């Protein structure tokens, strides 16, 4: 069974079309990808909350 970091890394690679991380860098790539996605989602949620509070 594949690890969670492999699944996250593979799904991001397929969805975005970037090159694969070097051998041994999968965990670091998964953390970076997860952090990037979390930042984007928090930004969208913050923007939504801002817009809702203004109208």
Foldseek 3Di string as FASTA:
>chain_A
DDDPLVVQQVVCCVVVVDDHDDPPCSNVVSVVSVVVVVVVVVVVVVVVVVVVVVD
